N, C-alpha and C. Protein backbone atom coordinates (compact mmCIF):
# COMPACT_ATOMS: atom_id res chain seq x y z
N UNK A 1 20.81 -34.45 23.56
CA UNK A 1 19.68 -34.34 22.67
C UNK A 1 20.20 -34.39 21.23
N UNK A 2 19.82 -35.35 20.47
CA UNK A 2 20.33 -35.46 19.11
C UNK A 2 19.62 -34.51 18.16
N UNK A 3 19.85 -33.25 18.32
CA UNK A 3 19.26 -32.25 17.45
C UNK A 3 20.34 -31.24 17.09
N UNK A 4 20.42 -30.90 15.83
CA UNK A 4 21.44 -29.97 15.37
C UNK A 4 21.18 -28.59 15.97
N UNK A 5 22.22 -28.02 16.57
CA UNK A 5 22.19 -26.71 17.22
C UNK A 5 21.09 -26.63 18.27
N UNK A 6 21.03 -27.63 19.13
CA UNK A 6 20.00 -27.66 20.17
C UNK A 6 20.23 -26.59 21.25
N UNK A 7 21.46 -26.21 21.49
CA UNK A 7 21.72 -25.16 22.48
C UNK A 7 21.15 -23.83 22.06
N UNK A 8 21.32 -23.49 20.80
CA UNK A 8 20.76 -22.25 20.26
C UNK A 8 19.23 -22.33 20.24
N UNK A 9 18.70 -23.47 19.85
CA UNK A 9 17.24 -23.64 19.80
C UNK A 9 16.64 -23.48 21.20
N UNK A 10 17.30 -24.02 22.20
CA UNK A 10 16.80 -23.90 23.57
C UNK A 10 16.78 -22.44 24.02
N UNK A 11 17.86 -21.72 23.74
CA UNK A 11 17.92 -20.31 24.13
C UNK A 11 16.86 -19.48 23.41
N UNK A 12 16.62 -19.76 22.14
CA UNK A 12 15.60 -19.03 21.40
C UNK A 12 14.20 -19.32 21.97
N UNK A 13 13.97 -20.56 22.37
CA UNK A 13 12.69 -20.90 23.01
C UNK A 13 12.53 -20.14 24.31
N UNK A 14 13.58 -20.06 25.10
CA UNK A 14 13.51 -19.33 26.37
C UNK A 14 13.29 -17.84 26.14
N UNK A 15 13.94 -17.27 25.12
CA UNK A 15 13.77 -15.84 24.86
C UNK A 15 12.38 -15.53 24.31
N UNK A 16 11.77 -16.46 23.61
CA UNK A 16 10.44 -16.24 23.03
C UNK A 16 9.33 -16.81 23.88
N UNK A 17 9.63 -17.17 25.13
CA UNK A 17 8.61 -17.75 26.00
C UNK A 17 7.67 -16.65 26.50
N UNK A 18 6.71 -17.04 27.27
CA UNK A 18 5.71 -16.09 27.77
C UNK A 18 6.21 -15.24 28.92
N UNK A 19 7.46 -15.36 29.27
CA UNK A 19 8.03 -14.52 30.32
C UNK A 19 7.86 -15.08 31.71
N UNK A 20 7.58 -16.37 31.82
CA UNK A 20 7.39 -16.96 33.14
C UNK A 20 8.70 -17.15 33.88
N UNK A 21 9.82 -17.04 33.17
CA UNK A 21 11.11 -17.21 33.80
C UNK A 21 11.74 -15.85 34.07
N UNK A 22 11.60 -15.38 35.29
CA UNK A 22 12.17 -14.08 35.67
C UNK A 22 13.69 -14.14 35.59
N UNK A 23 14.26 -15.29 35.89
CA UNK A 23 15.71 -15.46 35.87
C UNK A 23 16.28 -15.13 34.50
N UNK A 24 15.66 -15.63 33.44
CA UNK A 24 16.16 -15.38 32.10
C UNK A 24 15.93 -13.94 31.69
N UNK A 25 14.84 -13.33 32.12
CA UNK A 25 14.55 -11.95 31.76
C UNK A 25 15.58 -11.00 32.37
N UNK A 26 15.95 -11.25 33.60
CA UNK A 26 16.90 -10.38 34.28
C UNK A 26 18.31 -10.54 33.74
N UNK A 27 18.64 -11.68 33.21
CA UNK A 27 20.00 -11.95 32.76
C UNK A 27 20.07 -12.10 31.25
N UNK A 28 19.50 -11.15 30.53
CA UNK A 28 19.47 -11.21 29.07
C UNK A 28 20.88 -11.22 28.50
N UNK A 29 21.79 -10.46 29.08
CA UNK A 29 23.17 -10.43 28.60
C UNK A 29 23.84 -11.79 28.72
N UNK A 30 23.59 -12.48 29.82
CA UNK A 30 24.17 -13.81 30.00
C UNK A 30 23.53 -14.82 29.05
N UNK A 31 22.26 -14.62 28.73
CA UNK A 31 21.60 -15.49 27.78
C UNK A 31 22.22 -15.34 26.40
N UNK A 32 22.53 -14.12 26.02
CA UNK A 32 23.16 -13.89 24.73
C UNK A 32 24.59 -14.44 24.70
N UNK A 33 25.30 -14.31 25.81
CA UNK A 33 26.64 -14.90 25.92
C UNK A 33 26.54 -16.42 25.85
N UNK A 34 25.56 -17.00 26.52
CA UNK A 34 25.36 -18.43 26.47
C UNK A 34 25.03 -18.89 25.05
N UNK A 35 24.28 -18.08 24.31
CA UNK A 35 23.97 -18.41 22.92
C UNK A 35 25.23 -18.45 22.08
N UNK A 36 26.13 -17.52 22.31
CA UNK A 36 27.39 -17.50 21.57
C UNK A 36 28.24 -18.73 21.90
N UNK A 37 28.33 -19.06 23.18
CA UNK A 37 29.09 -20.24 23.58
C UNK A 37 28.42 -21.53 23.11
N UNK A 38 27.09 -21.55 23.12
CA UNK A 38 26.36 -22.71 22.62
C UNK A 38 26.58 -22.91 21.13
N UNK A 39 26.62 -21.82 20.39
CA UNK A 39 26.88 -21.92 18.95
C UNK A 39 28.25 -22.52 18.68
N UNK A 40 29.24 -22.11 19.46
CA UNK A 40 30.59 -22.67 19.29
C UNK A 40 30.62 -24.15 19.66
N UNK A 41 30.01 -24.49 20.78
CA UNK A 41 29.98 -25.89 21.21
C UNK A 41 29.17 -26.76 20.26
N UNK A 42 28.04 -26.25 19.82
CA UNK A 42 27.21 -27.00 18.87
C UNK A 42 27.93 -27.21 17.55
N UNK A 43 28.75 -26.24 17.13
CA UNK A 43 29.52 -26.40 15.89
C UNK A 43 30.59 -27.48 16.03
N UNK A 44 31.20 -27.56 17.21
CA UNK A 44 32.21 -28.59 17.45
C UNK A 44 31.56 -29.97 17.46
N UNK A 45 30.36 -30.06 18.03
CA UNK A 45 29.66 -31.34 18.14
C UNK A 45 28.83 -31.67 16.91
N UNK A 46 28.90 -30.84 15.88
CA UNK A 46 28.05 -31.00 14.71
C UNK A 46 28.18 -32.36 14.02
N UNK A 47 29.38 -32.91 13.81
CA UNK A 47 29.45 -34.24 13.18
C UNK A 47 28.70 -35.31 13.97
N UNK A 48 28.83 -35.30 15.27
CA UNK A 48 28.14 -36.28 16.11
C UNK A 48 26.63 -36.08 16.06
N UNK A 49 26.16 -34.84 16.19
CA UNK A 49 24.72 -34.60 16.19
C UNK A 49 24.10 -34.88 14.83
N UNK A 50 24.83 -34.61 13.75
CA UNK A 50 24.31 -34.94 12.42
C UNK A 50 24.12 -36.44 12.28
N UNK A 51 25.12 -37.20 12.72
CA UNK A 51 25.02 -38.67 12.64
C UNK A 51 23.88 -39.18 13.50
N UNK A 52 23.78 -38.70 14.74
CA UNK A 52 22.76 -39.17 15.67
C UNK A 52 21.36 -38.79 15.20
N UNK A 53 21.20 -37.54 14.73
CA UNK A 53 19.88 -37.12 14.27
C UNK A 53 19.48 -37.88 13.01
N UNK A 54 20.44 -38.18 12.16
CA UNK A 54 20.13 -38.91 10.94
C UNK A 54 19.74 -40.35 11.25
N UNK A 55 20.40 -40.96 12.23
CA UNK A 55 20.11 -42.36 12.54
C UNK A 55 18.88 -42.53 13.45
N UNK A 56 18.62 -41.56 14.36
CA UNK A 56 17.52 -41.71 15.30
C UNK A 56 16.33 -40.80 14.99
N UNK A 57 16.54 -39.77 14.19
CA UNK A 57 15.47 -38.84 13.89
C UNK A 57 15.30 -37.82 15.00
N UNK A 58 14.32 -36.95 14.85
CA UNK A 58 14.04 -35.93 15.85
C UNK A 58 13.38 -36.54 17.08
N UNK A 59 13.60 -35.93 18.21
CA UNK A 59 12.95 -36.33 19.45
C UNK A 59 11.68 -35.51 19.56
N UNK A 60 10.52 -36.15 19.67
CA UNK A 60 9.29 -35.36 19.84
C UNK A 60 9.28 -34.69 21.19
N UNK A 61 9.05 -33.39 21.21
CA UNK A 61 9.06 -32.64 22.46
C UNK A 61 7.67 -32.39 22.96
């Protein structure tokens, strides 16, 4: 997905959802750990995602 920090954005969407995902509610600690790892991975991929987002624009969701 050519969006800057999409891993963090996905996790924030899941945490702010209506609670339909019992799996994410039960594993809040793992979600926070995944957010930390996503931030690191998204930072490494930042040059690529900046280029891709600039050339293709946002993906309508």
